[in-house]
C-alpha atoms as a PDB file:
ATOM      1  CA  MET A   1      44.912  -2.694  16.604  1.00  0.00           C
ATOM      2  CA  ARG A   2      44.922  -5.940  14.601  1.00  0.00           C
ATOM      3  CA  ALA A   3      44.034  -4.140  11.369  1.00  0.00           C
ATOM      4  CA  GLN A   4      47.082  -1.957  11.866  1.00  0.00           C
ATOM      5  CA  GLN A   5      49.250  -5.028  12.404  1.00  0.00           C
ATOM      6  CA  ALA A   6      48.061  -6.533   9.101  1.00  0.00           C
ATOM      7  CA  THR A   7      49.278  -3.490   7.211  1.00  0.00           C
ATOM      8  CA  GLY A   8      52.568  -1.679   7.102  1.00  0.00           C
ATOM      9  CA  GLU A   9      56.110  -2.528   6.241  1.00  0.00           C
ATOM     10  CA  GLY A  10      56.455  -5.535   8.562  1.00  0.00           C
ATOM     11  CA  ALA A  11      53.318  -7.203   7.212  1.00  0.00           C
ATOM     12  CA  GLU A  12      54.393  -6.541   3.634  1.00  0.00           C
ATOM     13  CA  ARG A  13      57.798  -8.078   4.316  1.00  0.00           C
ATOM     14  CA  ARG A  14      56.128 -11.204   5.751  1.00  0.00           C
ATOM     15  CA  ARG A  15      53.837 -11.499   2.717  1.00  0.00           C
ATOM     16  CA  ARG A  16      56.803 -11.252   0.355  1.00  0.00           C
ATOM     17  CA  GLY A  17      58.579 -13.914   2.400  1.00  0.00           C
ATOM     18  CA  TRP A  18      55.647 -16.317   2.033  1.00  0.00           C
ATOM     19  CA  LEU A  19      55.500 -15.670  -1.714  1.00  0.00           C
ATOM     20  CA  ALA A  20      59.222 -16.331  -2.074  1.00  0.00           C
ATOM     21  CA  LEU A  21      58.858 -19.854  -0.676  1.00  0.00           C
ATOM     22  CA  SER A  22      57.434 -21.081  -3.962  1.00  0.00           C
ATOM     23  CA  GLY A  23      58.132 -20.316  -7.572  1.00  0.00           C
ATOM     24  CA  ASN A  24      54.442 -20.822  -8.277  1.00  0.00           C
ATOM     25  CA  SER A  25      52.812 -18.596  -5.680  1.00  0.00           C
ATOM     26  CA  ASN A  26      50.036 -16.052  -5.890  1.00  0.00           C
ATOM     27  CA  LEU A  27      48.795 -13.417  -3.469  1.00  0.00           C
ATOM     28  CA  SER A  28      45.174 -12.398  -3.399  1.00  0.00           C
ATOM     29  CA  THR A  29      43.254 -10.322  -0.905  1.00  0.00           C
ATOM     30  CA  ALA A  30      39.646 -10.076   0.151  1.00  0.00           C
ATOM     31  CA  ALA A  31      39.409  -6.423   1.094  1.00  0.00           C
ATOM     32  CA  ARG A  32      35.868  -6.563   2.464  1.00  0.00           C
ATOM     33  CA  SER A  33      36.473  -9.563   4.724  1.00  0.00           C
ATOM     34  CA  GLY A  34      37.525 -10.130   8.262  1.00  0.00           C
ATOM     35  CA  HIS A  35      39.511 -13.120   9.459  1.00  0.00           C
ATOM     36  CA  TYR A  36      36.911 -15.648   8.248  1.00  0.00           C
ATOM     37  CA  ILE A  37      36.917 -15.018   4.508  1.00  0.00           C
ATOM     38  CA  TYR A  38      34.905 -18.162   3.829  1.00  0.00           C
ATOM     39  CA  THR A  39      31.940 -16.735   5.748  1.00  0.00           C
ATOM     40  CA  ASP A  40      32.361 -13.062   4.819  1.00  0.00           C
ATOM     41  CA  GLN A  41      32.980 -13.603   1.098  1.00  0.00           C
ATOM     42  CA  PRO A  42      32.457 -17.277   0.231  1.00  0.00           C
ATOM     43  CA  ASP A  43      32.658 -16.558  -3.505  1.00  0.00           C
ATOM     44  CA  VAL A  44      36.214 -15.241  -3.073  1.00  0.00           C
ATOM     45  CA  ALA A  45      37.206 -18.314  -1.045  1.00  0.00           C
ATOM     46  CA  VAL A  46      35.720 -20.721  -3.597  1.00  0.00           C
ATOM     47  CA  LYS A  47      37.447 -18.946  -6.486  1.00  0.00           C
ATOM     48  CA  ALA A  48      40.796 -19.129  -4.673  1.00  0.00           C
ATOM     49  CA  ILE A  49      40.369 -22.871  -4.069  1.00  0.00           C
ATOM     50  CA  GLU A  50      39.405 -23.418  -7.705  1.00  0.00           C
ATOM     51  CA  ASN A  51      42.520 -21.531  -8.835  1.00  0.00           C
ATOM     52  CA  VAL A  52      44.761 -23.647  -6.604  1.00  0.00           C
ATOM     53  CA  ALA A  53      43.175 -26.850  -7.938  1.00  0.00           C
ATOM     54  CA  LYS A  54      43.655 -25.717 -11.562  1.00  0.00           C
ATOM     55  CA  ARG A  55      47.284 -24.849 -10.978  1.00  0.00           C
ATOM     56  CA  ALA A  56      47.942 -28.147  -9.179  1.00  0.00           C
ATOM     57  CA  THR A  57      46.452 -30.244 -11.969  1.00  0.00           C
ATOM     58  CA  ARG A  58      48.523 -28.404 -14.605  1.00  0.00           C
ATOM     59  CA  GLN A  59      51.704 -29.252 -12.721  1.00  0.00           C
ATOM     60  CA  GLY A  60      50.832 -32.875 -11.989  1.00  0.00           C
END
């Protein structure tokens, strides 16, 4: 049931809403992960954090 809630038109609309809050936003997904991405795919989580840090230092 939860997997179905994370997909579909309503979920897509919410994702677009989050992206619209910032002019410097990025959406990435970890397709082979559950809720705890940092344990399922730690490499994906680390890369996302590194990307945020890079973008923040370029703006600062």
